[in-house]
Amino acid sequence: MKKILFLLVAFTGIVFAADGVSGQDMIRAYSVIGAGIGLGIAALGGAIGMGSTAASTISGTARNPGVGGKLTTTMFIAIAMIEAQVIYMLVVALLLLFANPFLG
């Protein structure tokens, strides 16, 4: 967390050091940083969730091979829902980058 805060302060210093920086440039800069961090956190959470889902499905199939088909179907549905959350964050990140609502 300290590294992320340090990078944000460092980027702020770079932005303020530029000549003729307007408020819109600051909003764009922070939107890019926010979109990158948000998408990274969403991808990390999705990867952890998918790994946990797959591990639980493999464990359940190893304990009771007869229900392997049902577990696999349920796993694919769960993975699709997890991936949908990451895609929603991608849409939000693209909105911040290309159709920024904060720019007036």
PDB file of N, CA and C in Angstrom:
ATOM      1  N   MET A   1       0.816  -1.185   0.000  1.00  0.00           N
ATOM      2  CA  MET A   1       0.000   0.000   0.000  1.00  0.00           C
ATOM      3  C   MET A   1       0.860   1.249   0.000  1.00  0.00           C
ATOM      4  N   LYS A   2       1.982   1.198   0.712  1.00  0.00           N
ATOM      5  CA  LYS A   2       2.870   2.350   0.754  1.00  0.00           C
ATOM      6  C   LYS A   2       3.479   2.622  -0.618  1.00  0.00           C
ATOM      7  N   LYS A   3       3.743   1.551  -1.374  1.00  0.00           N
ATOM      8  CA  LYS A   3       4.318   1.728  -2.701  1.00  0.00           C
ATOM      9  C   LYS A   3       3.330   2.409  -3.641  1.00  0.00           C
ATOM     10  N   ILE A   4       2.070   2.023  -3.553  1.00  0.00           N
ATOM     11  CA  ILE A   4       1.050   2.635  -4.407  1.00  0.00           C
ATOM     12  C   ILE A   4       0.886   4.103  -4.061  1.00  0.00           C
ATOM     13  N   LEU A   5       0.854   4.414  -2.787  1.00  0.00           N
ATOM     14  CA  LEU A   5       0.743   5.815  -2.363  1.00  0.00           C
ATOM     15  C   LEU A   5       1.957   6.612  -2.816  1.00  0.00           C
ATOM     16  N   PHE A   6       3.138   6.007  -2.712  1.00  0.00           N
ATOM     17  CA  PHE A   6       4.349   6.683  -3.173  1.00  0.00           C
ATOM     18  C   PHE A   6       4.272   6.962  -4.668  1.00  0.00           C
ATOM     19  N   LEU A   7       3.815   5.991  -5.464  1.00  0.00           N
ATOM     20  CA  LEU A   7       3.698   6.200  -6.908  1.00  0.00           C
ATOM     21  C   LEU A   7       2.693   7.293  -7.240  1.00  0.00           C
ATOM     22  N   LEU A   8       1.569   7.329  -6.525  1.00  0.00           N
ATOM     23  CA  LEU A   8       0.587   8.382  -6.778  1.00  0.00           C
ATOM     24  C   LEU A   8       1.167   9.763  -6.476  1.00  0.00           C
ATOM     25  N   VAL A   9       1.912   9.874  -5.392  1.00  0.00           N
ATOM     26  CA  VAL A   9       2.545  11.156  -5.055  1.00  0.00           C
ATOM     27  C   VAL A   9       3.603  11.508  -6.104  1.00  0.00           C
ATOM     28  N   ALA A  10       4.354  10.503  -6.565  1.00  0.00           N
ATOM     29  CA  ALA A  10       5.373  10.758  -7.579  1.00  0.00           C
ATOM     30  C   ALA A  10       4.736  11.216  -8.889  1.00  0.00           C
ATOM     31  N   PHE A  11       3.636  10.574  -9.288  1.00  0.00           N
ATOM     32  CA  PHE A  11       2.949  10.993 -10.514  1.00  0.00           C
ATOM     33  C   PHE A  11       2.367  12.394 -10.361  1.00  0.00           C
ATOM     34  N   THR A  12       1.895  12.703  -9.179  1.00  0.00           N
ATOM     35  CA  THR A  12       1.361  14.043  -8.939  1.00  0.00           C
ATOM     36  C   THR A  12       2.468  15.083  -9.095  1.00  0.00           C
ATOM     37  N   GLY A  13       3.650  14.779  -8.590  1.00  0.00           N
ATOM     38  CA  GLY A  13       4.773  15.695  -8.746  1.00  0.00           C
ATOM     39  C   GLY A  13       5.151  15.903 -10.193  1.00  0.00           C
ATOM     40  N   ILE A  14       5.114  14.848 -10.983  1.00  0.00           N
ATOM     41  CA  ILE A  14       5.428  14.965 -12.404  1.00  0.00           C
ATOM     42  C   ILE A  14       4.390  15.823 -13.111  1.00  0.00           C
ATOM     43  N   VAL A  15       3.129  15.618 -12.770  1.00  0.00           N
ATOM     44  CA  VAL A  15       2.065  16.379 -13.416  1.00  0.00           C
ATOM     45  C   VAL A  15       2.167  17.857 -13.053  1.00  0.00           C
ATOM     46  N   PHE A  16       2.437  18.151 -11.781  1.00  0.00           N
ATOM     47  CA  PHE A  16       2.548  19.552 -11.361  1.00  0.00           C
ATOM     48  C   PHE A  16       3.796  20.212 -11.930  1.00  0.00           C
ATOM     49  N   ALA A  17       4.816  19.444 -12.248  1.00  0.00           N
ATOM     50  CA  ALA A  17       6.044  20.015 -12.774  1.00  0.00           C
ATOM     51  C   ALA A  17       5.895  20.460 -14.225  1.00  0.00           C
ATOM     52  N   ALA A  18       4.910  19.939 -14.936  1.00  0.00           N
ATOM     53  CA  ALA A  18       4.705  20.308 -16.331  1.00  0.00           C
ATOM     54  C   ALA A  18       4.192  21.737 -16.426  1.00  0.00           C
ATOM     55  N   ASP A  19       4.505  22.384 -17.528  1.00  0.00           N
ATOM     56  CA  ASP A  19       4.061  23.756 -17.742  1.00  0.00           C
ATOM     57  C   ASP A  19       2.642  23.776 -18.267  1.00  0.00           C
ATOM     58  N   GLY A  20       1.844  24.676 -17.738  1.00  0.00           N
ATOM     59  CA  GLY A  20       0.495  24.886 -18.257  1.00  0.00           C
ATOM     60  C   GLY A  20      -0.451  23.727 -18.035  1.00  0.00           C
ATOM     61  N   VAL A  21      -0.393  23.092 -16.892  1.00  0.00           N
ATOM     62  CA  VAL A  21      -1.280  21.964 -16.611  1.00  0.00           C
ATOM     63  C   VAL A  21      -2.647  22.506 -16.200  1.00  0.00           C
ATOM     64  N   SER A  22      -3.671  22.044 -16.881  1.00  0.00           N
ATOM     65  CA  SER A  22      -5.024  22.490 -16.543  1.00  0.00           C
ATOM     66  C   SER A  22      -5.706  21.461 -15.649  1.00  0.00           C
ATOM     67  N   GLY A  23      -6.874  21.825 -15.168  1.00  0.00           N
ATOM     68  CA  GLY A  23      -7.633  20.913 -14.330  1.00  0.00           C
ATOM     69  C   GLY A  23      -8.074  19.677 -15.087  1.00  0.00           C
ATOM     70  N   GLN A  24      -8.361  19.838 -16.379  1.00  0.00           N
ATOM     71  CA  GLN A  24      -8.788  18.679 -17.170  1.00  0.00           C
ATOM     72  C   GLN A  24      -7.654  17.688 -17.352  1.00  0.00           C
ATOM     73  N   ASP A  25      -6.436  18.184 -17.470  1.00  0.00           N
ATOM     74  CA  ASP A  25      -5.299  17.272 -17.578  1.00  0.00           C
ATOM     75  C   ASP A  25      -5.116  16.466 -16.292  1.00  0.00           C
ATOM     76  N   MET A  26      -5.338  17.119 -15.169  1.00  0.00           N
ATOM     77  CA  MET A  26      -5.243  16.409 -13.884  1.00  0.00           C
ATOM     78  C   MET A  26      -6.316  15.331 -13.785  1.00  0.00           C
ATOM     79  N   ILE A  27      -7.527  15.667 -14.206  1.00  0.00           N
ATOM     80  CA  ILE A  27      -8.616  14.688 -14.161  1.00  0.00           C
ATOM     81  C   ILE A  27      -8.299  13.513 -15.063  1.00  0.00           C
ATOM     82  N   ARG A  28      -7.777  13.786 -16.254  1.00  0.00           N
ATOM     83  CA  ARG A  28      -7.407  12.697 -17.172  1.00  0.00           C
ATOM     84  C   ARG A  28      -6.307  11.825 -16.574  1.00  0.00           C
ATOM     85  N   ALA A  29      -5.303  12.458 -15.962  1.00  0.00           N
ATOM     86  CA  ALA A  29      -4.193  11.697 -15.377  1.00  0.00           C
ATOM     87  C   ALA A  29      -4.683  10.792 -14.253  1.00  0.00           C
ATOM     88  N   TYR A  30      -5.487  11.342 -13.364  1.00  0.00           N
ATOM     89  CA  TYR A  30      -5.988  10.523 -12.264  1.00  0.00           C
ATOM     90  C   TYR A  30      -6.984   9.468 -12.744  1.00  0.00           C
ATOM     91  N   SER A  31      -7.706   9.739 -13.822  1.00  0.00           N
ATOM     92  CA  SER A  31      -8.623   8.740 -14.370  1.00  0.00           C
ATOM     93  C   SER A  31      -7.858   7.553 -14.931  1.00  0.00           C
ATOM     94  N   VAL A  32      -6.732   7.828 -15.587  1.00  0.00           N
ATOM     95  CA  VAL A  32      -5.909   6.740 -16.112  1.00  0.00           C
ATOM     96  C   VAL A  32      -5.344   5.901 -14.975  1.00  0.00           C
ATOM     97  N   ILE A  33      -4.842   6.566 -13.942  1.00  0.00           N
ATOM     98  CA  ILE A  33      -4.295   5.835 -12.789  1.00  0.00           C
ATOM     99  C   ILE A  33      -5.393   5.027 -12.103  1.00  0.00           C
ATOM    100  N   GLY A  34      -6.558   5.639 -11.904  1.00  0.00           N
ATOM    101  CA  GLY A  34      -7.669   4.939 -11.258  1.00  0.00           C
ATOM    102  C   GLY A  34      -8.170   3.757 -12.067  1.00  0.00           C
ATOM    103  N   ALA A  35      -8.241   3.927 -13.394  1.00  0.00           N
ATOM    104  CA  ALA A  35      -8.689   2.824 -14.244  1.00  0.00           C
ATOM    105  C   ALA A  35      -7.695   1.669 -14.193  1.00  0.00           C
ATOM    106  N   GLY A  36      -6.408   1.974 -14.209  1.00  0.00           N
ATOM    107  CA  GLY A  36      -5.394   0.922 -14.156  1.00  0.00           C
ATOM    108  C   GLY A  36      -5.402   0.168 -12.836  1.00  0.00           C
ATOM    109  N   ILE A  37      -5.488   0.906 -11.741  1.00  0.00           N
ATOM    110  CA  ILE A  37      -5.504   0.262 -10.425  1.00  0.00           C
ATOM    111  C   ILE A  37      -6.792  -0.544 -10.244  1.00  0.00           C
ATOM    112  N   GLY A  38      -7.925   0.022 -10.638  1.00  0.00           N
ATOM    113  CA  GLY A  38      -9.195  -0.693 -10.503  1.00  0.00           C
ATOM    114  C   GLY A  38      -9.234  -1.970 -11.319  1.00  0.00           C
ATOM    115  N   LEU A  39      -8.736  -1.902 -12.548  1.00  0.00           N
ATOM    116  CA  LEU A  39      -8.730  -3.096 -13.394  1.00  0.00           C
ATOM    117  C   LEU A  39      -7.762  -4.143 -12.860  1.00  0.00           C
ATOM    118  N   GLY A  40      -6.650  -3.698 -12.312  1.00  0.00           N
ATOM    119  CA  GLY A  40      -5.701  -4.641 -11.715  1.00  0.00           C
ATOM    120  C   GLY A  40      -6.282  -5.356 -10.513  1.00  0.00           C
ATOM    121  N   ILE A  41      -6.968  -4.618  -9.654  1.00  0.00           N
ATOM    122  CA  ILE A  41      -7.589  -5.231  -8.474  1.00  0.00           C
ATOM    123  C   ILE A  41      -8.703  -6.186  -8.898  1.00  0.00           C
ATOM    124  N   ALA A  42      -9.489  -5.799  -9.899  1.00  0.00           N
ATOM    125  CA  ALA A  42     -10.564  -6.677 -10.375  1.00  0.00           C
ATOM    126  C   ALA A  42      -9.998  -7.961 -10.979  1.00  0.00           C
ATOM    127  N   ALA A  43      -8.927  -7.841 -11.754  1.00  0.00           N
ATOM    128  CA  ALA A  43      -8.316  -9.034 -12.358  1.00  0.00           C
ATOM    129  C   ALA A  43      -7.708  -9.934 -11.281  1.00  0.00           C
ATOM    130  N   LEU A  44      -7.088  -9.332 -10.278  1.00  0.00           N
ATOM    131  CA  LEU A  44      -6.516 -10.122  -9.192  1.00  0.00           C
ATOM    132  C   LEU A  44      -7.605 -10.866  -8.417  1.00  0.00           C
ATOM    133  N   GLY A  45      -8.682 -10.167  -8.093  1.00  0.00           N
ATOM    134  CA  GLY A  45      -9.787 -10.806  -7.388  1.00  0.00           C
ATOM    135  C   GLY A  45     -10.439 -11.905  -8.211  1.00  0.00           C
ATOM    136  N   GLY A  46     -10.592 -11.656  -9.513  1.00  0.00           N
ATOM    137  CA  GLY A  46     -11.160 -12.678 -10.393  1.00  0.00           C
ATOM    138  C   GLY A  46     -10.280 -13.913 -10.489  1.00  0.00           C
ATOM    139  N   ALA A  47      -8.979 -13.699 -10.563  1.00  0.00           N
ATOM    140  CA  ALA A  47      -8.057 -14.831 -10.643  1.00  0.00           C
ATOM    141  C   ALA A  47      -8.075 -15.654  -9.356  1.00  0.00           C
ATOM    142  N   ILE A  48      -8.130 -14.981  -8.226  1.00  0.00           N
ATOM    143  CA  ILE A  48      -8.207 -15.701  -6.948  1.00  0.00           C
ATOM    144  C   ILE A  48      -9.516 -16.479  -6.851  1.00  0.00           C
ATOM    145  N   GLY A  49     -10.615 -15.850  -7.258  1.00  0.00           N
ATOM    146  CA  GLY A  49     -11.916 -16.521  -7.224  1.00  0.00           C
ATOM    147  C   GLY A  49     -11.982 -17.722  -8.152  1.00  0.00           C
ATOM    148  N   MET A  50     -11.437 -17.583  -9.356  1.00  0.00           N
ATOM    149  CA  MET A  50     -11.446 -18.705 -10.294  1.00  0.00           C
ATOM    150  C   MET A  50     -10.568 -19.851  -9.803  1.00  0.00           C
ATOM    151  N   GLY A  51      -9.428 -19.519  -9.238  1.00  0.00           N
ATOM    152  CA  GLY A  51      -8.557 -20.561  -8.700  1.00  0.00           C
ATOM    153  C   GLY A  51      -9.205 -21.313  -7.556  1.00  0.00           C
ATOM    154  N   SER A  52      -9.879 -20.580  -6.682  1.00  0.00           N
ATOM    155  CA  SER A  52     -10.568 -21.208  -5.555  1.00  0.00           C
ATOM    156  C   SER A  52     -11.720 -22.092  -6.039  1.00  0.00           C
ATOM    157  N   THR A  53     -12.445 -21.603  -7.039  1.00  0.00           N
ATOM    158  CA  THR A  53     -13.550 -22.382  -7.598  1.00  0.00           C
ATOM    159  C   THR A  53     -13.054 -23.675  -8.238  1.00  0.00           C
ATOM    160  N   ALA A  54     -11.998 -23.571  -9.024  1.00  0.00           N
ATOM    161  CA  ALA A  54     -11.451 -24.764  -9.675  1.00  0.00           C
ATOM    162  C   ALA A  54     -10.902 -25.753  -8.646  1.00  0.00           C
ATOM    163  N   ALA A  55     -10.224 -25.244  -7.616  1.00  0.00           N
ATOM    164  CA  ALA A  55      -9.680 -26.135  -6.591  1.00  0.00           C
ATOM    165  C   ALA A  55     -10.795 -26.860  -5.841  1.00  0.00           C
ATOM    166  N   SER A  56     -11.865 -26.142  -5.532  1.00  0.00           N
ATOM    167  CA  SER A  56     -12.987 -26.776  -4.830  1.00  0.00           C
ATOM    168  C   SER A  56     -13.671 -27.820  -5.705  1.00  0.00           C
ATOM    169  N   THR A  57     -13.789 -27.538  -6.996  1.00  0.00           N
ATOM    170  CA  THR A  57     -14.417 -28.501  -7.908  1.00  0.00           C
ATOM    171  C   THR A  57     -13.563 -29.759  -8.040  1.00  0.00           C
ATOM    172  N   ILE A  58     -12.270 -29.593  -8.150  1.00  0.00           N
ATOM    173  CA  ILE A  58     -11.380 -30.750  -8.251  1.00  0.00           C
ATOM    174  C   ILE A  58     -11.418 -31.573  -6.966  1.00  0.00           C
ATOM    175  N   SER A  59     -11.442 -30.883  -5.840  1.00  0.00           N
ATOM    176  CA  SER A  59     -11.524 -31.583  -4.546  1.00  0.00           C
ATOM    177  C   SER A  59     -12.836 -32.356  -4.420  1.00  0.00           C
ATOM    178  N   GLY A  60     -13.943 -31.732  -4.825  1.00  0.00           N
ATOM    179  CA  GLY A  60     -15.240 -32.403  -4.759  1.00  0.00           C
ATOM    180  C   GLY A  60     -15.332 -33.596  -5.692  1.00  0.00           C
ATOM    181  N   THR A  61     -14.748 -33.458  -6.880  1.00  0.00           N
ATOM    182  CA  THR A  61     -14.759 -34.573  -7.828  1.00  0.00           C
ATOM    183  C   THR A  61     -13.878 -35.712  -7.325  1.00  0.00           C
ATOM    184  N   ALA A  62     -12.778 -35.385  -6.663  1.00  0.00           N
ATOM    185  CA  ALA A  62     -11.907 -36.436  -6.125  1.00  0.00           C
ATOM    186  C   ALA A  62     -12.589 -37.188  -4.990  1.00  0.00           C
ATOM    187  N   ARG A  63     -13.406 -36.491  -4.205  1.00  0.00           N
ATOM    188  CA  ARG A  63     -14.107 -37.156  -3.096  1.00  0.00           C
ATOM    189  C   ARG A  63     -15.273 -38.002  -3.577  1.00  0.00           C
ATOM    190  N   ASN A  64     -15.979 -37.512  -4.586  1.00  0.00           N
ATOM    191  CA  ASN A  64     -17.145 -38.229  -5.083  1.00  0.00           C
ATOM    192  C   ASN A  64     -17.182 -38.100  -6.610  1.00  0.00           C
ATOM    193  N   PRO A  65     -16.558 -39.043  -7.315  1.00  0.00           N
ATOM    194  CA  PRO A  65     -16.481 -38.943  -8.774  1.00  0.00           C
ATOM    195  C   PRO A  65     -17.838 -39.013  -9.475  1.00  0.00           C
ATOM    196  N   GLY A  66     -18.843 -39.502  -8.817  1.00  0.00           N
ATOM    197  CA  GLY A  66     -20.160 -39.637  -9.436  1.00  0.00           C
ATOM    198  C   GLY A  66     -20.840 -38.310  -9.724  1.00  0.00           C
ATOM    199  N   VAL A  67     -20.496 -37.283  -8.995  1.00  0.00           N
ATOM    200  CA  VAL A  67     -21.129 -35.969  -9.199  1.00  0.00           C
ATOM    201  C   VAL A  67     -20.206 -35.008  -9.937  1.00  0.00           C
ATOM    202  N   GLY A  68     -19.209 -35.556 -10.602  1.00  0.00           N
ATOM    203  CA  GLY A  68     -18.247 -34.720 -11.319  1.00  0.00           C
ATOM    204  C   GLY A  68     -18.891 -33.856 -12.388  1.00  0.00           C
ATOM    205  N   GLY A  69     -19.869 -34.404 -13.105  1.00  0.00           N
ATOM    206  CA  GLY A  69     -20.546 -33.642 -14.160  1.00  0.00           C
ATOM    207  C   GLY A  69     -21.313 -32.447 -13.617  1.00  0.00           C
ATOM    208  N   LYS A  70     -22.040 -32.664 -12.516  1.00  0.00           N
ATOM    209  CA  LYS A  70     -22.792 -31.561 -11.902  1.00  0.00           C
ATOM    210  C   LYS A  70     -21.855 -30.497 -11.346  1.00  0.00           C
ATOM    211  N   LEU A  71     -20.767 -30.941 -10.731  1.00  0.00           N
ATOM    212  CA  LEU A  71     -19.815 -29.979 -10.177  1.00  0.00           C
ATOM    213  C   LEU A  71     -19.150 -29.156 -11.279  1.00  0.00           C
ATOM    214  N   THR A  72     -18.833 -29.811 -12.384  1.00  0.00           N
ATOM    215  CA  THR A  72     -18.204 -29.093 -13.491  1.00  0.00           C
ATOM    216  C   THR A  72     -19.149 -28.049 -14.074  1.00  0.00           C
ATOM    217  N   THR A  73     -20.419 -28.414 -14.238  1.00  0.00           N
ATOM    218  CA  THR A  73     -21.401 -27.460 -14.753  1.00  0.00           C
ATOM    219  C   THR A  73     -21.550 -26.266 -13.809  1.00  0.00           C
ATOM    220  N   THR A  74     -21.636 -26.549 -12.524  1.00  0.00           N
ATOM    221  CA  THR A  74     -21.744 -25.475 -11.541  1.00  0.00           C
ATOM    222  C   THR A  74     -20.489 -24.616 -11.532  1.00  0.00           C
ATOM    223  N   MET A  75     -19.323 -25.241 -11.716  1.00  0.00           N
ATOM    224  CA  MET A  75     -18.075 -24.495 -11.743  1.00  0.00           C
ATOM    225  C   MET A  75     -18.042 -23.521 -12.917  1.00  0.00           C
ATOM    226  N   PHE A  76     -18.476 -23.978 -14.093  1.00  0.00           N
ATOM    227  CA  PHE A  76     -18.464 -23.088 -15.255  1.00  0.00           C
ATOM    228  C   PHE A  76     -19.420 -21.912 -15.076  1.00  0.00           C
ATOM    229  N   ILE A  77     -20.554 -22.144 -14.440  1.00  0.00           N
ATOM    230  CA  ILE A  77     -21.490 -21.048 -14.169  1.00  0.00           C
ATOM    231  C   ILE A  77     -20.859 -20.052 -13.197  1.00  0.00           C
ATOM    232  N   ALA A  78     -20.197 -20.555 -12.162  1.00  0.00           N
ATOM    233  CA  ALA A  78     -19.551 -19.674 -11.184  1.00  0.00           C
ATOM    234  C   ALA A  78     -18.406 -18.895 -11.822  1.00  0.00           C
ATOM    235  N   ILE A  79     -17.630 -19.536 -12.664  1.00  0.00           N
ATOM    236  CA  ILE A  79     -16.525 -18.849 -13.330  1.00  0.00           C
ATOM    237  C   ILE A  79     -17.051 -17.771 -14.269  1.00  0.00           C
ATOM    238  N   ALA A  80     -18.160 -18.039 -14.941  1.00  0.00           N
ATOM    239  CA  ALA A  80     -18.755 -17.026 -15.820  1.00  0.00           C
ATOM    240  C   ALA A  80     -19.208 -15.806 -15.023  1.00  0.00           C
ATOM    241  N   MET A  81     -19.769 -16.027 -13.844  1.00  0.00           N
ATOM    242  CA  MET A  81     -20.194 -14.894 -13.005  1.00  0.00           C
ATOM    243  C   MET A  81     -18.996 -14.113 -12.479  1.00  0.00           C
ATOM    244  N   ILE A  82     -17.934 -14.813 -12.125  1.00  0.00           N
ATOM    245  CA  ILE A  82     -16.718 -14.135 -11.653  1.00  0.00           C
ATOM    246  C   ILE A  82     -16.129 -13.310 -12.793  1.00  0.00           C
ATOM    247  N   GLU A  83     -16.066 -13.890 -13.971  1.00  0.00           N
ATOM    248  CA  GLU A  83     -15.502 -13.179 -15.120  1.00  0.00           C
ATOM    249  C   GLU A  83     -16.367 -11.991 -15.522  1.00  0.00           C
ATOM    250  N   ALA A  84     -17.667 -12.080 -15.307  1.00  0.00           N
ATOM    251  CA  ALA A  84     -18.551 -10.956 -15.622  1.00  0.00           C
ATOM    252  C   ALA A  84     -18.217  -9.745 -14.767  1.00  0.00           C
ATOM    253  N   GLN A  85     -17.846  -9.964 -13.518  1.00  0.00           N
ATOM    254  CA  GLN A  85     -17.473  -8.833 -12.657  1.00  0.00           C
ATOM    255  C   GLN A  85     -16.208  -8.155 -13.167  1.00  0.00           C
ATOM    256  N   VAL A  86     -15.255  -8.930 -13.663  1.00  0.00           N
ATOM    257  CA  VAL A  86     -14.039  -8.338 -14.219  1.00  0.00           C
ATOM    258  C   VAL A  86     -14.365  -7.564 -15.495  1.00  0.00           C
ATOM    259  N   ILE A  87     -15.257  -8.095 -16.299  1.00  0.00           N
ATOM    260  CA  ILE A  87     -15.651  -7.400 -17.531  1.00  0.00           C
ATOM    261  C   ILE A  87     -16.383  -6.106 -17.200  1.00  0.00           C
ATOM    262  N   TYR A  88     -17.197  -6.096 -16.138  1.00  0.00           N
ATOM    263  CA  TYR A  88     -17.861  -4.857 -15.720  1.00  0.00           C
ATOM    264  C   TYR A  88     -16.822  -3.801 -15.342  1.00  0.00           C
ATOM    265  N   MET A  89     -15.772  -4.196 -14.666  1.00  0.00           N
ATOM    266  CA  MET A  89     -14.721  -3.243 -14.311  1.00  0.00           C
ATOM    267  C   MET A  89     -13.995  -2.764 -15.557  1.00  0.00           C
ATOM    268  N   LEU A  90     -13.831  -3.634 -16.539  1.00  0.00           N
ATOM    269  CA  LEU A  90     -13.227  -3.224 -17.799  1.00  0.00           C
ATOM    270  C   LEU A  90     -14.075  -2.151 -18.478  1.00  0.00           C
ATOM    271  N   VAL A  91     -15.383  -2.317 -18.446  1.00  0.00           N
ATOM    272  CA  VAL A  91     -16.280  -1.316 -19.030  1.00  0.00           C
ATOM    273  C   VAL A  91     -16.155   0.012 -18.292  1.00  0.00           C
ATOM    274  N   VAL A  92     -16.085  -0.036 -16.978  1.00  0.00           N
ATOM    275  CA  VAL A  92     -15.925   1.197 -16.196  1.00  0.00           C
ATOM    276  C   VAL A  92     -14.585   1.855 -16.520  1.00  0.00           C
ATOM    277  N   ALA A  93     -13.532   1.055 -16.637  1.00  0.00           N
ATOM    278  CA  ALA A  93     -12.215   1.602 -16.977  1.00  0.00           C
ATOM    279  C   ALA A  93     -12.228   2.244 -18.362  1.00  0.00           C
ATOM    280  N   LEU A  94     -12.880   1.608 -19.323  1.00  0.00           N
ATOM    281  CA  LEU A  94     -12.964   2.185 -20.665  1.00  0.00           C
ATOM    282  C   LEU A  94     -13.780   3.473 -20.659  1.00  0.00           C
ATOM    283  N   LEU A  95     -14.825   3.523 -19.838  1.00  0.00           N
ATOM    284  CA  LEU A  95     -15.584   4.770 -19.701  1.00  0.00           C
ATOM    285  C   LEU A  95     -14.711   5.881 -19.130  1.00  0.00           C
ATOM    286  N   LEU A  96     -13.906   5.561 -18.126  1.00  0.00           N
ATOM    287  CA  LEU A  96     -13.023   6.567 -17.543  1.00  0.00           C
ATOM    288  C   LEU A  96     -11.976   7.047 -18.540  1.00  0.00           C
ATOM    289  N   LEU A  97     -11.528   6.154 -19.415  1.00  0.00           N
ATOM    290  CA  LEU A  97     -10.477   6.526 -20.353  1.00  0.00           C
ATOM    291  C   LEU A  97     -10.999   7.274 -21.574  1.00  0.00           C
ATOM    292  N   PHE A  98     -12.134   6.869 -22.112  1.00  0.00           N
ATOM    293  CA  PHE A  98     -12.574   7.417 -23.390  1.00  0.00           C
ATOM    294  C   PHE A  98     -13.820   8.305 -23.323  1.00  0.00           C
ATOM    295  N   ALA A  99     -14.683   8.100 -22.377  1.00  0.00           N
ATOM    296  CA  ALA A  99     -15.896   8.930 -22.242  1.00  0.00           C
ATOM    297  C   ALA A  99     -15.978   9.399 -20.795  1.00  0.00           C
ATOM    298  N   ASN A 100     -14.975  10.115 -20.384  1.00  0.00           N
ATOM    299  CA  ASN A 100     -14.829  10.477 -18.975  1.00  0.00           C
ATOM    300  C   ASN A 100     -15.971  11.374 -18.512  1.00  0.00           C
ATOM    301  N   PRO A 101     -16.768  10.911 -17.548  1.00  0.00           N
ATOM    302  CA  PRO A 101     -17.884  11.725 -17.070  1.00  0.00           C
ATOM    303  C   PRO A 101     -17.454  12.892 -16.191  1.00  0.00           C
ATOM    304  N   PHE A 102     -16.199  12.899 -15.747  1.00  0.00           N
ATOM    305  CA  PHE A 102     -15.716  13.953 -14.884  1.00  0.00           C
ATOM    306  C   PHE A 102     -15.272  15.207 -15.637  1.00  0.00           C
ATOM    307  N   LEU A 103     -15.090  15.048 -16.945  1.00  0.00           N
ATOM    308  CA  LEU A 103     -14.705  16.204 -17.752  1.00  0.00           C
ATOM    309  C   LEU A 103     -15.955  16.953 -18.169  1.00  0.00           C
ATOM    310  N   GLY A 104     -15.982  18.218 -17.916  1.00  0.00           N
ATOM    311  CA  GLY A 104     -17.172  19.007 -18.186  1.00  0.00           C
ATOM    312  C   GLY A 104     -17.198  19.530 -19.520  1.00  0.00           C
TER     313      GLY A 104
END
